[in-house]
Amino acid sequence: MNTLIYLIPIALFLGGIGLAAFLWALKSGQYEDLEGASWRVLDDGDGKPEKK
């Protein structure tokens, strides 16, 4: 029972850190372009148009 005195505040603290990190990610625009990453995976990245 004494361990709950330590574990509950630690769990609340870690949850608060996770919430703060999530809110920071929302504020900094990490979730603005959800489809761009999937298109960048398919891009060769050489900057030249494909020859057909």
PDB file of N, CA and C in Angstrom:
ATOM      1  N   MET A   1       0.821  -1.194   0.000  1.00  0.00           N
ATOM      2  CA  MET A   1       0.000   0.000   0.000  1.00  0.00           C
ATOM      3  C   MET A   1       0.866   1.259   0.000  1.00  0.00           C
ATOM      4  N   ASN A   2       2.047   1.174   0.626  1.00  0.00           N
ATOM      5  CA  ASN A   2       2.925   2.342   0.651  1.00  0.00           C
ATOM      6  C   ASN A   2       3.484   2.672  -0.723  1.00  0.00           C
ATOM      7  N   THR A   3       3.573   1.676  -1.586  1.00  0.00           N
ATOM      8  CA  THR A   3       4.118   1.940  -2.929  1.00  0.00           C
ATOM      9  C   THR A   3       3.164   2.784  -3.763  1.00  0.00           C
ATOM     10  N   LEU A   4       1.866   2.709  -3.472  1.00  0.00           N
ATOM     11  CA  LEU A   4       0.910   3.538  -4.205  1.00  0.00           C
ATOM     12  C   LEU A   4       1.143   5.020  -3.948  1.00  0.00           C
ATOM     13  N   ILE A   5       1.665   5.349  -2.797  1.00  0.00           N
ATOM     14  CA  ILE A   5       1.954   6.747  -2.484  1.00  0.00           C
ATOM     15  C   ILE A   5       2.998   7.301  -3.447  1.00  0.00           C
ATOM     16  N   TYR A   6       3.892   6.448  -3.924  1.00  0.00           N
ATOM     17  CA  TYR A   6       4.932   6.871  -4.867  1.00  0.00           C
ATOM     18  C   TYR A   6       4.491   6.690  -6.326  1.00  0.00           C
ATOM     19  N   LEU A   7       3.789   5.606  -6.595  1.00  0.00           N
ATOM     20  CA  LEU A   7       3.464   5.275  -7.977  1.00  0.00           C
ATOM     21  C   LEU A   7       2.393   6.176  -8.589  1.00  0.00           C
ATOM     22  N   ILE A   8       1.417   6.589  -7.830  1.00  0.00           N
ATOM     23  CA  ILE A   8       0.349   7.438  -8.371  1.00  0.00           C
ATOM     24  C   ILE A   8       0.894   8.802  -8.810  1.00  0.00           C
ATOM     25  N   PRO A   9       1.683   9.506  -8.001  1.00  0.00           N
ATOM     26  CA  PRO A   9       2.230  10.781  -8.496  1.00  0.00           C
ATOM     27  C   PRO A   9       3.188  10.606  -9.681  1.00  0.00           C
ATOM     28  N   ILE A  10       3.953   9.522  -9.686  1.00  0.00           N
ATOM     29  CA  ILE A  10       4.845   9.278 -10.816  1.00  0.00           C
ATOM     30  C   ILE A  10       4.036   9.051 -12.086  1.00  0.00           C
ATOM     31  N   ALA A  11       2.956   8.280 -11.998  1.00  0.00           N
ATOM     32  CA  ALA A  11       2.105   8.029 -13.162  1.00  0.00           C
ATOM     33  C   ALA A  11       1.443   9.312 -13.643  1.00  0.00           C
ATOM     34  N   LEU A  12       0.978  10.135 -12.732  1.00  0.00           N
ATOM     35  CA  LEU A  12       0.371  11.412 -13.118  1.00  0.00           C
ATOM     36  C   LEU A  12       1.398  12.340 -13.762  1.00  0.00           C
ATOM     37  N   PHE A  13       2.608  12.345 -13.246  1.00  0.00           N
ATOM     38  CA  PHE A  13       3.672  13.180 -13.805  1.00  0.00           C
ATOM     39  C   PHE A  13       4.019  12.731 -15.223  1.00  0.00           C
ATOM     40  N   LEU A  14       4.176  11.429 -15.424  1.00  0.00           N
ATOM     41  CA  LEU A  14       4.504  10.915 -16.758  1.00  0.00           C
ATOM     42  C   LEU A  14       3.353  11.139 -17.742  1.00  0.00           C
ATOM     43  N   GLY A  15       2.133  11.014 -17.275  1.00  0.00           N
ATOM     44  CA  GLY A  15       0.978  11.320 -18.122  1.00  0.00           C
ATOM     45  C   GLY A  15       0.942  12.784 -18.519  1.00  0.00           C
ATOM     46  N   GLY A  16       1.288  13.657 -17.582  1.00  0.00           N
ATOM     47  CA  GLY A  16       1.351  15.095 -17.888  1.00  0.00           C
ATOM     48  C   GLY A  16       2.432  15.417 -18.900  1.00  0.00           C
ATOM     49  N   ILE A  17       3.569  14.730 -18.793  1.00  0.00           N
ATOM     50  CA  ILE A  17       4.640  14.938 -19.771  1.00  0.00           C
ATOM     51  C   ILE A  17       4.175  14.474 -21.156  1.00  0.00           C
ATOM     52  N   GLY A  18       3.499  13.345 -21.220  1.00  0.00           N
ATOM     53  CA  GLY A  18       2.975  12.850 -22.492  1.00  0.00           C
ATOM     54  C   GLY A  18       1.946  13.799 -23.087  1.00  0.00           C
ATOM     55  N   LEU A  19       1.072  14.329 -22.268  1.00  0.00           N
ATOM     56  CA  LEU A  19       0.079  15.292 -22.743  1.00  0.00           C
ATOM     57  C   LEU A  19       0.741  16.568 -23.228  1.00  0.00           C
ATOM     58  N   ALA A  20       1.738  17.045 -22.508  1.00  0.00           N
ATOM     59  CA  ALA A  20       2.459  18.255 -22.927  1.00  0.00           C
ATOM     60  C   ALA A  20       3.179  18.031 -24.253  1.00  0.00           C
ATOM     61  N   ALA A  21       3.777  16.850 -24.440  1.00  0.00           N
ATOM     62  CA  ALA A  21       4.451  16.551 -25.706  1.00  0.00           C
ATOM     63  C   ALA A  21       3.451  16.484 -26.855  1.00  0.00           C
ATOM     64  N   PHE A  22       2.290  15.905 -26.615  1.00  0.00           N
ATOM     65  CA  PHE A  22       1.259  15.840 -27.651  1.00  0.00           C
ATOM     66  C   PHE A  22       0.755  17.227 -28.016  1.00  0.00           C
ATOM     67  N   LEU A  23       0.511  18.068 -27.025  1.00  0.00           N
ATOM     68  CA  LEU A  23       0.038  19.425 -27.306  1.00  0.00           C
ATOM     69  C   LEU A  23       1.110  20.240 -28.022  1.00  0.00           C
ATOM     70  N   TRP A  24       2.374  20.041 -27.666  1.00  0.00           N
ATOM     71  CA  TRP A  24       3.460  20.721 -28.368  1.00  0.00           C
ATOM     72  C   TRP A  24       3.499  20.295 -29.836  1.00  0.00           C
ATOM     73  N   ALA A  25       3.301  18.997 -30.105  1.00  0.00           N
ATOM     74  CA  ALA A  25       3.306  18.499 -31.478  1.00  0.00           C
ATOM     75  C   ALA A  25       2.147  19.095 -32.264  1.00  0.00           C
ATOM     76  N   LEU A  26       1.000  19.236 -31.643  1.00  0.00           N
ATOM     77  CA  LEU A  26      -0.126  19.867 -32.326  1.00  0.00           C
ATOM     78  C   LEU A  26       0.161  21.326 -32.641  1.00  0.00           C
ATOM     79  N   LYS A  27       0.752  22.039 -31.681  1.00  0.00           N
ATOM     80  CA  LYS A  27       1.031  23.461 -31.850  1.00  0.00           C
ATOM     81  C   LYS A  27       2.102  23.725 -32.901  1.00  0.00           C
ATOM     82  N   SER A  28       3.092  22.825 -33.007  1.00  0.00           N
ATOM     83  CA  SER A  28       4.187  23.052 -33.941  1.00  0.00           C
ATOM     84  C   SER A  28       3.869  22.560 -35.345  1.00  0.00           C
ATOM     85  N   GLY A  29       2.679  22.025 -35.569  1.00  0.00           N
ATOM     86  CA  GLY A  29       2.257  21.645 -36.908  1.00  0.00           C
ATOM     87  C   GLY A  29       2.709  20.276 -37.363  1.00  0.00           C
ATOM     88  N   GLN A  30       2.950  19.361 -36.459  1.00  0.00           N
ATOM     89  CA  GLN A  30       3.398  18.029 -36.832  1.00  0.00           C
ATOM     90  C   GLN A  30       2.308  17.240 -37.558  1.00  0.00           C
ATOM     91  N   TYR A  31       1.053  17.577 -37.356  1.00  0.00           N
ATOM     92  CA  TYR A  31      -0.045  16.829 -37.950  1.00  0.00           C
ATOM     93  C   TYR A  31      -0.728  17.600 -39.073  1.00  0.00           C
ATOM     94  N   GLU A  32      -0.073  18.605 -39.633  1.00  0.00           N
ATOM     95  CA  GLU A  32      -0.687  19.415 -40.676  1.00  0.00           C
ATOM     96  C   GLU A  32      -0.744  18.675 -42.015  1.00  0.00           C
ATOM     97  N   ASP A  33       0.328  18.008 -42.402  1.00  0.00           N
ATOM     98  CA  ASP A  33       0.408  17.357 -43.705  1.00  0.00           C
ATOM     99  C   ASP A  33       0.445  15.847 -43.510  1.00  0.00           C
ATOM    100  N   LEU A  34      -0.725  15.235 -43.412  1.00  0.00           N
ATOM    101  CA  LEU A  34      -0.792  13.808 -43.137  1.00  0.00           C
ATOM    102  C   LEU A  34      -0.514  12.958 -44.372  1.00  0.00           C
ATOM    103  N   GLU A  35      -0.825  13.468 -45.563  1.00  0.00           N
ATOM    104  CA  GLU A  35      -0.636  12.688 -46.774  1.00  0.00           C
ATOM    105  C   GLU A  35       0.708  12.947 -47.436  1.00  0.00           C
ATOM    106  N   GLY A  36       1.393  14.005 -47.072  1.00  0.00           N
ATOM    107  CA  GLY A  36       2.654  14.346 -47.712  1.00  0.00           C
ATOM    108  C   GLY A  36       3.738  13.309 -47.499  1.00  0.00           C
ATOM    109  N   ALA A  37       3.805  12.735 -46.326  1.00  0.00           N
ATOM    110  CA  ALA A  37       4.841  11.746 -46.035  1.00  0.00           C
ATOM    111  C   ALA A  37       4.660  10.502 -46.891  1.00  0.00           C
ATOM    112  N   SER A  38       3.424  10.108 -47.120  1.00  0.00           N
ATOM    113  CA  SER A  38       3.198   8.915 -47.931  1.00  0.00           C
ATOM    114  C   SER A  38       3.578   9.158 -49.382  1.00  0.00           C
ATOM    115  N   TRP A  39       3.429  10.385 -49.880  1.00  0.00           N
ATOM    116  CA  TRP A  39       3.853  10.683 -51.253  1.00  0.00           C
ATOM    117  C   TRP A  39       5.360  10.834 -51.343  1.00  0.00           C
ATOM    118  N   ARG A  40       5.989  11.347 -50.309  1.00  0.00           N
ATOM    119  CA  ARG A  40       7.451  11.506 -50.335  1.00  0.00           C
ATOM    120  C   ARG A  40       8.171  10.160 -50.316  1.00  0.00           C
ATOM    121  N   VAL A  41       7.546   9.134 -49.779  1.00  0.00           N
ATOM    122  CA  VAL A  41       8.146   7.805 -49.790  1.00  0.00           C
ATOM    123  C   VAL A  41       8.259   7.294 -51.225  1.00  0.00           C
ATOM    124  N   LEU A  42       7.273   7.604 -52.040  1.00  0.00           N
ATOM    125  CA  LEU A  42       7.251   7.121 -53.416  1.00  0.00           C
ATOM    126  C   LEU A  42       8.113   7.959 -54.354  1.00  0.00           C
ATOM    127  N   ASP A  43       8.543   9.128 -53.932  1.00  0.00           N
ATOM    128  CA  ASP A  43       9.337  10.024 -54.767  1.00  0.00           C
ATOM    129  C   ASP A  43      10.795   9.572 -54.792  1.00  0.00           C
ATOM    130  N   ASP A  44      11.395   9.595 -55.992  1.00  0.00           N
ATOM    131  CA  ASP A  44      12.809   9.232 -56.124  1.00  0.00           C
ATOM    132  C   ASP A  44      13.716  10.289 -55.517  1.00  0.00           C
ATOM    133  N   GLY A  45      13.324  11.535 -55.631  1.00  0.00           N
ATOM    134  CA  GLY A  45      14.093  12.606 -55.026  1.00  0.00           C
ATOM    135  C   GLY A  45      15.212  13.149 -55.888  1.00  0.00           C
ATOM    136  N   ASP A  46      15.311  12.721 -57.162  1.00  0.00           N
ATOM    137  CA  ASP A  46      16.391  13.234 -57.989  1.00  0.00           C
ATOM    138  C   ASP A  46      16.036  14.564 -58.654  1.00  0.00           C
ATOM    139  N   GLY A  47      14.777  14.960 -58.641  1.00  0.00           N
ATOM    140  CA  GLY A  47      14.370  16.251 -59.174  1.00  0.00           C
ATOM    141  C   GLY A  47      14.181  16.270 -60.680  1.00  0.00           C
ATOM    142  N   LYS A  48      14.417  15.183 -61.360  1.00  0.00           N
ATOM    143  CA  LYS A  48      14.257  15.113 -62.809  1.00  0.00           C
ATOM    144  C   LYS A  48      12.908  14.466 -63.139  1.00  0.00           C
ATOM    145  N   PRO A  49      12.263  14.966 -64.193  1.00  0.00           N
ATOM    146  CA  PRO A  49      11.024  14.307 -64.594  1.00  0.00           C
ATOM    147  C   PRO A  49      11.313  12.941 -65.223  1.00  0.00           C
ATOM    148  N   GLU A  50      10.364  12.043 -65.109  1.00  0.00           N
ATOM    149  CA  GLU A  50      10.552  10.706 -65.671  1.00  0.00           C
ATOM    150  C   GLU A  50      10.427  10.745 -67.183  1.00  0.00           C
ATOM    151  N   LYS A  51      11.251   9.981 -67.864  1.00  0.00           N
ATOM    152  CA  LYS A  51      11.158   9.853 -69.315  1.00  0.00           C
ATOM    153  C   LYS A  51      10.199   8.725 -69.648  1.00  0.00           C
ATOM    154  N   LYS A  52       9.331   9.018 -70.592  1.00  0.00           N
ATOM    155  CA  LYS A  52       8.331   8.003 -70.974  1.00  0.00           C
ATOM    156  C   LYS A  52       8.608   7.496 -72.356  1.00  0.00           C
TER     157      LYS A  52
END
